Amino acid sequence: MHKSVNFDELIALYSVSDVCLVTSTRDGMNLVSYEYIATQSKRHGVLVLSEFTGAAQSLNGSIIVNPWNTEELANAMQEAVTMSDEQRAINFTKLHRYVSKYTSAFWGQSFVAELTRISEHGERKLKLRRETMKRAEQKSAQQHASEQNQKAQEPPGGASLEGETRTTENREITRTEIKPPHSENIQREDQDSHVEKVTGT
C-alpha cells in the first residue's frame, strides 16, 4: 500500500474499514483522522491514533497509543476490532461532534475575528496615546505662555519693586540697630557731669 490513490478510492477505503490506524512517530497536522471520521456516519469505525499526531490532543473518543511500543499497539488493535457497537457509537459521537464544529470555515472565521479584535484594540490604544500626548502638549504650551506673561510684567533691570522696598527697609533697620561703640560712654559722661553740677549747686 505504499502508493498514492486518487481521492475517490481513498474515500471508499475509509468508508468500508472498521478501524483506522495512524501510527505517525512525528507529525504536524494530519487530516487522515478527520477524513476517516467524516466517512463513518454509518459504520462508526474505531480510530487508533499515535500520541505523536497533531490530532491526538483534540480527538477525544479515539484510542491513543505509543507507536514505538509494539505490545501497546497490538492491544489497541485488538480493542478496536472487538469493541462493542454501543461503545463505538459513543466514541464516534464525540469524534463527529468535534469534526463537525471545528471546520475549516470555523477556523477561518475565528482567525479573522481575532485579527479584527486585536486591530480594534490597537486602534483604541493608539487613539488614547495620541489624546494623552495632545493634552501634555497643551499643558506645556500653557505653562510656557504663563512664564512669558510673568516675565513681561517684571520691571526693567531684572529687580522687582517689592525687592527694592525690602532692601531699603533692611538698610534702615540696620542703621537704627547698629550704634558706634563709644556712644554709651559719651552718654554716661554727660549724665555724670550733670549730676555733679546739680550737687555743687
N, C-alpha and C. Protein backbone atom coordinates (compact mmCIF):
# COMPACT_ATOMS: atom_id res chain seq x y z
N MET A 1 0.83 -1.22 0.00
CA MET A 1 0.00 0.00 0.00
C MET A 1 0.85 1.25 0.00
N HIS A 2 2.15 1.13 -0.23
CA HIS A 2 2.99 2.31 -0.26
C HIS A 2 2.89 2.98 -1.63
N LYS A 3 1.69 3.46 -1.90
CA LYS A 3 1.46 4.18 -3.15
C LYS A 3 0.28 5.11 -2.95
N SER A 4 0.20 6.11 -3.79
CA SER A 4 -0.89 7.08 -3.71
C SER A 4 -2.10 6.54 -4.47
N VAL A 5 -3.28 6.87 -3.94
CA VAL A 5 -4.54 6.53 -4.62
C VAL A 5 -5.32 7.81 -4.81
N ASN A 6 -6.19 7.81 -5.79
CA ASN A 6 -6.98 9.03 -6.01
C ASN A 6 -7.98 9.20 -4.87
N PHE A 7 -8.52 10.40 -4.77
CA PHE A 7 -9.34 10.74 -3.60
C PHE A 7 -10.60 9.91 -3.52
N ASP A 8 -11.22 9.57 -4.66
CA ASP A 8 -12.44 8.77 -4.65
C ASP A 8 -12.16 7.37 -4.08
N GLU A 9 -11.06 6.75 -4.49
CA GLU A 9 -10.71 5.44 -3.96
C GLU A 9 -10.39 5.52 -2.47
N LEU A 10 -9.74 6.61 -2.06
CA LEU A 10 -9.41 6.78 -0.65
C LEU A 10 -10.66 6.88 0.20
N ILE A 11 -11.64 7.63 -0.26
CA ILE A 11 -12.90 7.77 0.48
C ILE A 11 -13.61 6.42 0.58
N ALA A 12 -13.55 5.63 -0.49
CA ALA A 12 -14.17 4.30 -0.48
C ALA A 12 -13.50 3.40 0.54
N LEU A 13 -12.17 3.45 0.62
CA LEU A 13 -11.44 2.65 1.60
C LEU A 13 -11.77 3.08 3.02
N TYR A 14 -11.88 4.37 3.21
CA TYR A 14 -12.26 4.89 4.53
C TYR A 14 -13.62 4.34 4.96
N SER A 15 -14.57 4.39 4.06
CA SER A 15 -15.96 4.09 4.41
C SER A 15 -16.20 2.61 4.71
N VAL A 16 -15.39 1.71 4.16
CA VAL A 16 -15.63 0.27 4.37
C VAL A 16 -14.74 -0.30 5.48
N SER A 17 -13.85 0.47 6.02
CA SER A 17 -12.92 -0.04 7.04
C SER A 17 -13.54 0.05 8.43
N ASP A 18 -13.18 -0.91 9.27
CA ASP A 18 -13.68 -0.93 10.64
C ASP A 18 -12.75 -0.18 11.59
N VAL A 19 -11.49 -0.08 11.24
CA VAL A 19 -10.50 0.57 12.09
C VAL A 19 -9.59 1.43 11.20
N CYS A 20 -9.27 2.61 11.72
CA CYS A 20 -8.27 3.46 11.07
C CYS A 20 -7.08 3.57 12.02
N LEU A 21 -5.91 3.12 11.56
CA LEU A 21 -4.72 3.08 12.40
C LEU A 21 -3.72 4.11 11.88
N VAL A 22 -3.46 5.12 12.70
CA VAL A 22 -2.49 6.18 12.35
C VAL A 22 -1.32 6.06 13.32
N THR A 23 -0.15 5.65 12.82
CA THR A 23 0.99 5.36 13.70
C THR A 23 2.16 6.31 13.44
N SER A 24 1.89 7.56 13.19
CA SER A 24 2.96 8.52 12.94
C SER A 24 3.85 8.66 14.17
N THR A 25 5.16 8.73 13.92
CA THR A 25 6.11 8.98 15.01
C THR A 25 6.50 10.45 15.09
N ARG A 26 6.21 11.18 14.06
CA ARG A 26 6.47 12.62 14.05
C ARG A 26 5.47 13.24 13.08
N ASP A 27 4.63 14.16 13.61
CA ASP A 27 3.51 14.60 12.79
C ASP A 27 3.15 16.03 13.13
N GLY A 28 2.54 16.71 12.19
CA GLY A 28 2.06 18.06 12.41
C GLY A 28 0.54 18.06 12.40
N MET A 29 -0.04 18.46 11.28
CA MET A 29 -1.50 18.47 11.14
C MET A 29 -1.89 17.33 10.21
N ASN A 30 -2.32 16.22 10.77
CA ASN A 30 -2.68 15.05 9.99
C ASN A 30 -4.19 15.04 9.75
N LEU A 31 -4.58 15.11 8.49
CA LEU A 31 -6.00 15.18 8.15
C LEU A 31 -6.62 13.80 7.91
N VAL A 32 -5.81 12.75 7.92
CA VAL A 32 -6.36 11.41 7.68
C VAL A 32 -7.43 11.06 8.70
N SER A 33 -7.15 11.37 9.97
CA SER A 33 -8.12 11.02 11.02
C SER A 33 -9.42 11.78 10.84
N TYR A 34 -9.35 13.04 10.42
CA TYR A 34 -10.57 13.84 10.21
C TYR A 34 -11.36 13.30 9.02
N GLU A 35 -10.66 12.94 7.97
CA GLU A 35 -11.32 12.40 6.78
C GLU A 35 -12.00 11.07 7.09
N TYR A 36 -11.33 10.25 7.91
CA TYR A 36 -11.91 8.96 8.27
C TYR A 36 -13.20 9.14 9.07
N ILE A 37 -13.19 10.04 10.03
CA ILE A 37 -14.39 10.28 10.84
C ILE A 37 -15.55 10.76 9.97
N ALA A 38 -15.24 11.59 8.99
CA ALA A 38 -16.29 12.15 8.13
C ALA A 38 -16.98 11.07 7.29
N THR A 39 -16.32 9.95 7.07
CA THR A 39 -16.91 8.88 6.25
C THR A 39 -17.56 7.78 7.07
N GLN A 40 -17.57 7.89 8.40
CA GLN A 40 -18.02 6.80 9.26
C GLN A 40 -19.35 7.08 9.95
N SER A 41 -20.22 7.82 9.31
CA SER A 41 -21.51 8.14 9.92
C SER A 41 -22.39 6.90 10.10
N LYS A 42 -22.16 5.84 9.30
CA LYS A 42 -22.96 4.62 9.40
C LYS A 42 -22.23 3.50 10.13
N ARG A 43 -20.95 3.28 9.84
CA ARG A 43 -20.24 2.14 10.40
C ARG A 43 -19.68 2.43 11.79
N HIS A 44 -19.45 3.70 12.11
CA HIS A 44 -18.88 4.07 13.41
C HIS A 44 -17.54 3.36 13.64
N GLY A 45 -16.64 3.52 12.69
CA GLY A 45 -15.34 2.87 12.79
C GLY A 45 -14.52 3.42 13.94
N VAL A 46 -13.54 2.63 14.39
CA VAL A 46 -12.71 2.99 15.54
C VAL A 46 -11.43 3.64 15.03
N LEU A 47 -11.04 4.70 15.69
CA LEU A 47 -9.84 5.44 15.31
C LEU A 47 -8.75 5.18 16.35
N VAL A 48 -7.61 4.65 15.88
CA VAL A 48 -6.44 4.43 16.74
C VAL A 48 -5.38 5.44 16.32
N LEU A 49 -5.01 6.31 17.27
CA LEU A 49 -4.11 7.42 16.94
C LEU A 49 -2.80 7.32 17.71
N SER A 50 -1.71 7.62 17.02
CA SER A 50 -0.43 7.77 17.70
C SER A 50 -0.46 9.02 18.57
N GLU A 51 0.16 8.95 19.73
CA GLU A 51 0.21 10.11 20.62
C GLU A 51 1.07 11.25 20.06
N PHE A 52 1.78 10.96 18.98
CA PHE A 52 2.63 11.99 18.37
C PHE A 52 1.94 12.74 17.24
N THR A 53 0.71 12.40 16.95
CA THR A 53 -0.03 13.11 15.90
C THR A 53 -0.59 14.41 16.45
N GLY A 54 -0.76 15.39 15.56
CA GLY A 54 -1.32 16.67 15.99
C GLY A 54 -2.77 16.55 16.44
N ALA A 55 -3.51 15.56 15.89
CA ALA A 55 -4.93 15.41 16.21
C ALA A 55 -5.17 14.68 17.52
N ALA A 56 -4.13 14.06 18.09
CA ALA A 56 -4.32 13.24 19.30
C ALA A 56 -4.83 14.07 20.47
N GLN A 57 -4.47 15.35 20.51
CA GLN A 57 -4.89 16.21 21.62
C GLN A 57 -6.33 16.68 21.48
N SER A 58 -6.89 16.55 20.29
CA SER A 58 -8.22 17.10 20.04
C SER A 58 -9.31 16.04 19.91
N LEU A 59 -8.97 14.89 19.38
CA LEU A 59 -9.99 13.89 19.05
C LEU A 59 -10.23 12.96 20.24
N ASN A 60 -11.03 13.45 21.18
CA ASN A 60 -11.44 12.64 22.32
C ASN A 60 -12.47 11.61 21.84
N GLY A 61 -12.16 10.35 22.07
CA GLY A 61 -13.01 9.26 21.58
C GLY A 61 -12.19 8.28 20.77
N SER A 62 -10.95 8.63 20.46
CA SER A 62 -10.04 7.72 19.77
C SER A 62 -9.18 6.99 20.78
N ILE A 63 -8.53 5.93 20.34
CA ILE A 63 -7.61 5.17 21.19
C ILE A 63 -6.20 5.71 20.94
N ILE A 64 -5.57 6.21 21.98
CA ILE A 64 -4.25 6.83 21.85
C ILE A 64 -3.18 5.80 22.25
N VAL A 65 -2.15 5.68 21.40
CA VAL A 65 -1.09 4.70 21.66
C VAL A 65 0.27 5.31 21.38
N ASN A 66 1.30 4.65 21.92
CA ASN A 66 2.68 4.98 21.59
C ASN A 66 3.12 4.00 20.50
N PRO A 67 3.35 4.47 19.27
CA PRO A 67 3.67 3.55 18.17
C PRO A 67 4.98 2.80 18.35
N TRP A 68 5.85 3.30 19.22
CA TRP A 68 7.12 2.61 19.47
C TRP A 68 6.93 1.38 20.37
N ASN A 69 5.82 1.39 21.09
CA ASN A 69 5.52 0.27 21.99
C ASN A 69 4.65 -0.73 21.23
N THR A 70 5.28 -1.78 20.71
CA THR A 70 4.56 -2.73 19.86
C THR A 70 3.47 -3.49 20.62
N GLU A 71 3.73 -3.78 21.89
CA GLU A 71 2.72 -4.50 22.68
C GLU A 71 1.49 -3.63 22.89
N GLU A 72 1.71 -2.35 23.21
CA GLU A 72 0.58 -1.43 23.40
C GLU A 72 -0.19 -1.25 22.10
N LEU A 73 0.53 -1.18 21.00
CA LEU A 73 -0.11 -1.03 19.70
C LEU A 73 -0.96 -2.25 19.36
N ALA A 74 -0.44 -3.43 19.65
CA ALA A 74 -1.18 -4.67 19.38
C ALA A 74 -2.46 -4.74 20.23
N ASN A 75 -2.35 -4.35 21.50
CA ASN A 75 -3.52 -4.35 22.38
C ASN A 75 -4.58 -3.36 21.89
N ALA A 76 -4.14 -2.22 21.38
CA ALA A 76 -5.08 -1.22 20.87
C ALA A 76 -5.82 -1.73 19.64
N MET A 77 -5.11 -2.44 18.77
CA MET A 77 -5.75 -3.01 17.58
C MET A 77 -6.76 -4.09 17.99
N GLN A 78 -6.41 -4.87 18.99
CA GLN A 78 -7.33 -5.90 19.49
C GLN A 78 -8.58 -5.25 20.09
N GLU A 79 -8.38 -4.18 20.85
CA GLU A 79 -9.52 -3.47 21.44
C GLU A 79 -10.41 -2.88 20.37
N ALA A 80 -9.82 -2.36 19.31
CA ALA A 80 -10.58 -1.71 18.26
C ALA A 80 -11.48 -2.69 17.51
N VAL A 81 -10.95 -3.86 17.19
CA VAL A 81 -11.75 -4.81 16.39
C VAL A 81 -12.77 -5.56 17.23
N THR A 82 -12.60 -5.57 18.55
CA THR A 82 -13.55 -6.29 19.42
C THR A 82 -14.49 -5.34 20.17
N MET A 83 -14.41 -4.06 19.90
CA MET A 83 -15.24 -3.09 20.62
C MET A 83 -16.71 -3.28 20.28
N SER A 84 -17.55 -3.11 21.29
CA SER A 84 -18.99 -3.28 21.08
C SER A 84 -19.56 -2.15 20.24
N ASP A 85 -20.69 -2.43 19.62
CA ASP A 85 -21.34 -1.42 18.78
C ASP A 85 -21.75 -0.20 19.60
N GLU A 86 -22.19 -0.45 20.83
CA GLU A 86 -22.61 0.67 21.69
C GLU A 86 -21.43 1.60 21.99
N GLN A 87 -20.30 1.03 22.35
CA GLN A 87 -19.13 1.83 22.66
C GLN A 87 -18.60 2.54 21.41
N ARG A 88 -18.66 1.88 20.27
CA ARG A 88 -18.23 2.50 19.00
C ARG A 88 -19.10 3.72 18.70
N ALA A 89 -20.40 3.60 18.97
CA ALA A 89 -21.32 4.71 18.70
C ALA A 89 -21.02 5.89 19.63
N ILE A 90 -20.73 5.60 20.91
CA ILE A 90 -20.41 6.66 21.88
C ILE A 90 -19.14 7.41 21.47
N ASN A 91 -18.11 6.64 21.11
CA ASN A 91 -16.85 7.26 20.70
C ASN A 91 -17.01 8.08 19.42
N PHE A 92 -17.80 7.50 18.46
CA PHE A 92 -17.98 8.22 17.20
C PHE A 92 -18.73 9.53 17.41
N THR A 93 -19.70 9.54 18.34
CA THR A 93 -20.45 10.77 18.61
C THR A 93 -19.51 11.90 19.05
N LYS A 94 -18.57 11.57 19.94
CA LYS A 94 -17.60 12.57 20.40
C LYS A 94 -16.73 13.06 19.25
N LEU A 95 -16.25 12.12 18.45
CA LEU A 95 -15.37 12.48 17.34
C LEU A 95 -16.11 13.31 16.29
N HIS A 96 -17.31 12.89 15.96
CA HIS A 96 -18.07 13.60 14.92
C HIS A 96 -18.47 15.00 15.37
N ARG A 97 -18.79 15.15 16.65
CA ARG A 97 -19.15 16.46 17.18
C ARG A 97 -17.98 17.45 17.01
N TYR A 98 -16.80 16.99 17.34
CA TYR A 98 -15.62 17.87 17.23
C TYR A 98 -15.34 18.22 15.77
N VAL A 99 -15.33 17.21 14.91
CA VAL A 99 -15.01 17.44 13.50
C VAL A 99 -16.05 18.33 12.83
N SER A 100 -17.31 18.17 13.22
CA SER A 100 -18.38 18.98 12.61
C SER A 100 -18.32 20.43 13.06
N LYS A 101 -17.87 20.66 14.28
CA LYS A 101 -17.83 22.03 14.81
C LYS A 101 -16.61 22.78 14.31
N TYR A 102 -15.46 22.17 14.43
CA TYR A 102 -14.21 22.87 14.10
C TYR A 102 -13.81 22.58 12.66
N THR A 103 -14.58 23.16 11.77
CA THR A 103 -14.31 23.01 10.34
C THR A 103 -13.33 24.08 9.87
N SER A 104 -12.94 23.99 8.61
CA SER A 104 -12.03 25.00 8.05
C SER A 104 -12.69 26.37 8.05
N ALA A 105 -14.01 26.40 7.83
CA ALA A 105 -14.74 27.68 7.86
C ALA A 105 -14.71 28.28 9.26
N PHE A 106 -14.86 27.41 10.27
CA PHE A 106 -14.82 27.90 11.66
C PHE A 106 -13.46 28.49 11.98
N TRP A 107 -12.39 27.78 11.60
CA TRP A 107 -11.04 28.28 11.90
C TRP A 107 -10.78 29.58 11.15
N GLY A 108 -11.25 29.66 9.91
CA GLY A 108 -11.05 30.90 9.15
C GLY A 108 -11.77 32.08 9.79
N GLN A 109 -13.03 31.87 10.19
CA GLN A 109 -13.79 32.94 10.84
C GLN A 109 -13.17 33.33 12.19
N SER A 110 -12.71 32.33 12.94
CA SER A 110 -12.09 32.62 14.24
C SER A 110 -10.81 33.43 14.05
N PHE A 111 -10.04 33.08 13.05
CA PHE A 111 -8.78 33.78 12.79
C PHE A 111 -9.04 35.24 12.42
N VAL A 112 -10.00 35.45 11.51
CA VAL A 112 -10.32 36.82 11.09
C VAL A 112 -10.91 37.62 12.25
N ALA A 113 -11.75 36.98 13.07
CA ALA A 113 -12.35 37.67 14.22
C ALA A 113 -11.28 38.09 15.22
N GLU A 114 -10.30 37.23 15.43
CA GLU A 114 -9.22 37.56 16.37
C GLU A 114 -8.36 38.69 15.83
N LEU A 115 -8.08 38.67 14.53
CA LEU A 115 -7.33 39.77 13.92
C LEU A 115 -8.08 41.09 14.05
N THR A 116 -9.39 41.03 13.84
CA THR A 116 -10.21 42.25 13.96
C THR A 116 -10.19 42.77 15.39
N ARG A 117 -10.32 41.86 16.36
CA ARG A 117 -10.31 42.27 17.77
C ARG A 117 -8.98 42.92 18.13
N ILE A 118 -7.89 42.31 17.72
CA ILE A 118 -6.57 42.86 18.03
C ILE A 118 -6.38 44.22 17.36
N SER A 119 -6.87 44.33 16.12
CA SER A 119 -6.74 45.59 15.39
C SER A 119 -7.52 46.71 16.07
N GLU A 120 -8.76 46.41 16.47
CA GLU A 120 -9.57 47.42 17.16
C GLU A 120 -8.95 47.82 18.49
N HIS A 121 -8.42 46.83 19.21
CA HIS A 121 -7.77 47.13 20.49
C HIS A 121 -6.54 48.01 20.28
N GLY A 122 -5.79 47.72 19.22
CA GLY A 122 -4.62 48.54 18.92
C GLY A 122 -5.00 49.96 18.53
N GLU A 123 -6.08 50.11 17.78
CA GLU A 123 -6.53 51.45 17.39
C GLU A 123 -6.98 52.26 18.61
N ARG A 124 -7.66 51.59 19.55
CA ARG A 124 -8.09 52.30 20.76
C ARG A 124 -6.88 52.75 21.58
N LYS A 125 -5.89 51.90 21.70
CA LYS A 125 -4.68 52.27 22.44
C LYS A 125 -3.95 53.42 21.76
N LEU A 126 -3.88 53.36 20.43
CA LEU A 126 -3.21 54.43 19.70
C LEU A 126 -3.95 55.75 19.84
N LYS A 127 -5.28 55.71 19.79
CA LYS A 127 -6.08 56.92 19.95
C LYS A 127 -5.90 57.50 21.34
N LEU A 128 -5.92 56.65 22.36
CA LEU A 128 -5.73 57.11 23.74
C LEU A 128 -4.35 57.72 23.92
N ARG A 129 -3.36 57.13 23.31
CA ARG A 129 -1.99 57.66 23.42
C ARG A 129 -1.89 59.02 22.75
N ARG A 130 -2.52 59.17 21.60
CA ARG A 130 -2.49 60.47 20.91
C ARG A 130 -3.18 61.55 21.73
N GLU A 131 -4.33 61.20 22.34
CA GLU A 131 -5.03 62.17 23.18
C GLU A 131 -4.19 62.57 24.38
N THR A 132 -3.50 61.61 24.97
CA THR A 132 -2.64 61.91 26.12
C THR A 132 -1.51 62.84 25.72
N MET A 133 -0.89 62.57 24.59
CA MET A 133 0.20 63.41 24.11
C MET A 133 -0.29 64.82 23.78
N LYS A 134 -1.51 64.91 23.23
CA LYS A 134 -2.07 66.21 22.89
C LYS A 134 -2.33 67.03 24.14
N ARG A 135 -2.89 66.39 25.19
CA ARG A 135 -3.13 67.10 26.44
C ARG A 135 -1.81 67.56 27.07
N ALA A 136 -0.80 66.71 26.99
CA ALA A 136 0.50 67.08 27.55
C ALA A 136 1.09 68.28 26.81
N GLU A 137 0.95 68.31 25.49
CA GLU A 137 1.46 69.44 24.70
C GLU A 137 0.70 70.73 25.03
N GLN A 138 -0.62 70.61 25.20
CA GLN A 138 -1.41 71.79 25.55
C GLN A 138 -1.01 72.33 26.92
N LYS A 139 -0.79 71.44 27.87
CA LYS A 139 -0.38 71.86 29.21
C LYS A 139 0.98 72.53 29.18
N SER A 140 1.89 71.97 28.40
CA SER A 140 3.23 72.56 28.28
C SER A 140 3.15 73.94 27.65
N ALA A 141 2.29 74.10 26.63
CA ALA A 141 2.14 75.39 25.97
C ALA A 141 1.55 76.43 26.93
N GLN A 142 0.60 76.03 27.76
CA GLN A 142 0.01 76.94 28.73
C GLN A 142 1.04 77.38 29.77
N GLN A 143 1.86 76.47 30.24
CA GLN A 143 2.90 76.82 31.20
C GLN A 143 3.91 77.78 30.60
N HIS A 144 4.26 77.56 29.35
CA HIS A 144 5.21 78.44 28.68
C HIS A 144 4.64 79.84 28.51
N ALA A 145 3.34 79.91 28.14
CA ALA A 145 2.70 81.21 27.98
C ALA A 145 2.62 81.95 29.31
N SER A 146 2.34 81.21 30.39
CA SER A 146 2.27 81.84 31.72
C SER A 146 3.63 82.40 32.13
N GLU A 147 4.69 81.66 31.86
CA GLU A 147 6.02 82.16 32.18
C GLU A 147 6.37 83.40 31.39
N GLN A 148 5.97 83.42 30.13
CA GLN A 148 6.24 84.60 29.29
C GLN A 148 5.49 85.82 29.81
N ASN A 149 4.25 85.61 30.27
CA ASN A 149 3.47 86.73 30.81
C ASN A 149 4.10 87.27 32.09
N GLN A 150 4.60 86.42 32.95
CA GLN A 150 5.25 86.85 34.18
C GLN A 150 6.52 87.66 33.89
N LYS A 151 7.29 87.22 32.91
CA LYS A 151 8.49 87.95 32.54
C LYS A 151 8.16 89.31 31.95
N ALA A 152 7.05 89.38 31.20
CA ALA A 152 6.66 90.65 30.58
C ALA A 152 6.21 91.67 31.63
N GLN A 153 5.67 91.20 32.76
CA GLN A 153 5.18 92.10 33.81
C GLN A 153 6.29 92.60 34.74
N GLU A 154 7.47 92.01 34.71
CA GLU A 154 8.57 92.44 35.58
C GLU A 154 9.16 93.75 35.06
N PRO A 155 9.57 94.72 35.98
CA PRO A 155 10.16 96.00 35.56
C PRO A 155 11.54 95.78 34.96
N PRO A 156 12.03 96.75 34.16
CA PRO A 156 13.36 96.63 33.55
C PRO A 156 14.43 96.55 34.62
N GLY A 157 15.54 95.94 34.30
CA GLY A 157 16.65 95.81 35.25
C GLY A 157 16.63 94.50 35.98
N GLY A 158 15.57 93.77 35.91
CA GLY A 158 15.52 92.43 36.47
C GLY A 158 15.12 92.37 37.93
N ALA A 159 15.03 93.52 38.65
CA ALA A 159 14.65 93.51 40.07
C ALA A 159 13.26 94.07 40.22
N SER A 160 12.47 93.49 41.04
CA SER A 160 11.11 93.94 41.25
C SER A 160 11.08 95.06 42.28
N LEU A 161 10.00 95.86 42.23
CA LEU A 161 9.83 96.96 43.16
C LEU A 161 9.73 96.46 44.59
N GLU A 162 9.10 95.33 44.76
CA GLU A 162 8.96 94.77 46.10
C GLU A 162 10.32 94.43 46.68
N GLY A 163 11.19 93.91 45.82
CA GLY A 163 12.52 93.58 46.27
C GLY A 163 13.30 94.80 46.69
N GLU A 164 13.18 95.89 45.92
CA GLU A 164 13.88 97.11 46.27
C GLU A 164 13.38 97.67 47.60
N THR A 165 12.06 97.65 47.82
CA THR A 165 11.48 98.17 49.06
C THR A 165 12.01 97.39 50.26
N ARG A 166 12.05 96.03 50.11
CA ARG A 166 12.55 95.22 51.21
C ARG A 166 14.01 95.52 51.49
N THR A 167 14.80 95.76 50.47
CA THR A 167 16.22 96.06 50.66
C THR A 167 16.40 97.37 51.40
N THR A 168 15.59 98.41 51.04
CA THR A 168 15.67 99.71 51.71
C THR A 168 15.29 99.60 53.17
N GLU A 169 14.22 98.81 53.44
CA GLU A 169 13.79 98.64 54.84
C GLU A 169 14.89 97.96 55.65
N ASN A 170 15.53 96.96 55.07
CA ASN A 170 16.60 96.26 55.78
C ASN A 170 17.76 97.19 56.10
N ARG A 171 18.08 98.11 55.16
CA ARG A 171 19.16 99.05 55.41
C ARG A 171 18.82 100.00 56.55
N GLU A 172 17.56 100.51 56.59
CA GLU A 172 17.14 101.42 57.66
C GLU A 172 17.21 100.73 59.01
N ILE A 173 16.75 99.46 59.03
CA ILE A 173 16.77 98.73 60.30
C ILE A 173 18.20 98.53 60.76
N THR A 174 19.06 98.24 59.85
CA THR A 174 20.47 98.02 60.19
C THR A 174 21.10 99.28 60.76
N ARG A 175 20.81 100.43 60.13
CA ARG A 175 21.35 101.71 60.62
C ARG A 175 20.84 102.02 62.03
N THR A 176 19.58 101.71 62.29
CA THR A 176 18.99 102.01 63.60
C THR A 176 19.59 101.13 64.69
N GLU A 177 19.77 99.84 64.39
CA GLU A 177 20.23 98.91 65.42
C GLU A 177 21.71 99.03 65.70
N ILE A 178 22.52 99.34 64.71
CA ILE A 178 23.98 99.40 64.91
C ILE A 178 24.37 100.80 65.40
N LYS A 179 25.00 100.91 66.56
CA LYS A 179 25.45 102.18 67.15
C LYS A 179 26.95 102.15 67.31
N PRO A 180 27.59 103.31 67.29
CA PRO A 180 29.05 103.35 67.50
C PRO A 180 29.38 102.81 68.87
N PRO A 181 30.53 102.16 69.05
CA PRO A 181 30.89 101.55 70.34
C PRO A 181 31.12 102.55 71.46
N HIS A 182 31.43 103.87 71.16
CA HIS A 182 31.71 104.85 72.21
C HIS A 182 30.50 105.72 72.54
N SER A 183 29.35 105.47 71.94
CA SER A 183 28.18 106.31 72.17
C SER A 183 27.66 106.16 73.59
N GLU A 184 27.72 104.95 74.14
CA GLU A 184 27.22 104.74 75.51
C GLU A 184 28.12 105.44 76.52
N ASN A 185 29.44 105.44 76.28
CA ASN A 185 30.37 106.12 77.20
C ASN A 185 30.12 107.62 77.23
N ILE A 186 29.87 108.19 76.02
CA ILE A 186 29.61 109.65 75.95
C ILE A 186 28.35 109.98 76.73
N GLN A 187 27.31 109.15 76.61
CA GLN A 187 26.06 109.40 77.32
C GLN A 187 26.27 109.32 78.84
N ARG A 188 27.07 108.35 79.29
CA ARG A 188 27.33 108.20 80.72
C ARG A 188 28.10 109.42 81.27
N GLU A 189 29.09 109.91 80.49
CA GLU A 189 29.86 111.09 80.94
C GLU A 189 28.96 112.31 81.05
N ASP A 190 28.06 112.47 80.10
CA ASP A 190 27.15 113.63 80.16
C ASP A 190 26.26 113.52 81.39
N GLN A 191 25.81 112.33 81.73
CA GLN A 191 24.93 112.17 82.89
C GLN A 191 25.71 112.48 84.19
N ASP A 192 26.98 112.00 84.25
CA ASP A 192 27.78 112.24 85.46
C ASP A 192 28.06 113.73 85.64
N SER A 193 28.35 114.40 84.53
CA SER A 193 28.62 115.84 84.60
C SER A 193 27.41 116.59 85.08
N HIS A 194 26.27 116.20 84.64
CA HIS A 194 25.03 116.85 85.04
C HIS A 194 24.76 116.64 86.53
N VAL A 195 25.07 115.43 87.01
CA VAL A 195 24.85 115.14 88.43
C VAL A 195 25.77 116.02 89.29
N GLU A 196 27.04 116.15 88.87
CA GLU A 196 27.99 116.96 89.65
C GLU A 196 27.58 118.42 89.73
N LYS A 197 27.10 118.94 88.61
CA LYS A 197 26.67 120.32 88.61
C LYS A 197 25.49 120.50 89.57
N VAL A 198 24.57 119.58 89.54
CA VAL A 198 23.41 119.70 90.42
C VAL A 198 23.85 119.63 91.87
N THR A 199 24.78 118.75 92.19
CA THR A 199 25.25 118.58 93.57
C THR A 199 26.01 119.81 94.03
N GLY A 200 26.86 120.33 93.16
CA GLY A 200 27.61 121.53 93.52
C GLY A 200 26.71 122.72 93.74
N THR A 201 25.68 122.82 93.04
CA THR A 201 24.75 123.91 93.16
C THR A 201 24.04 123.83 94.50
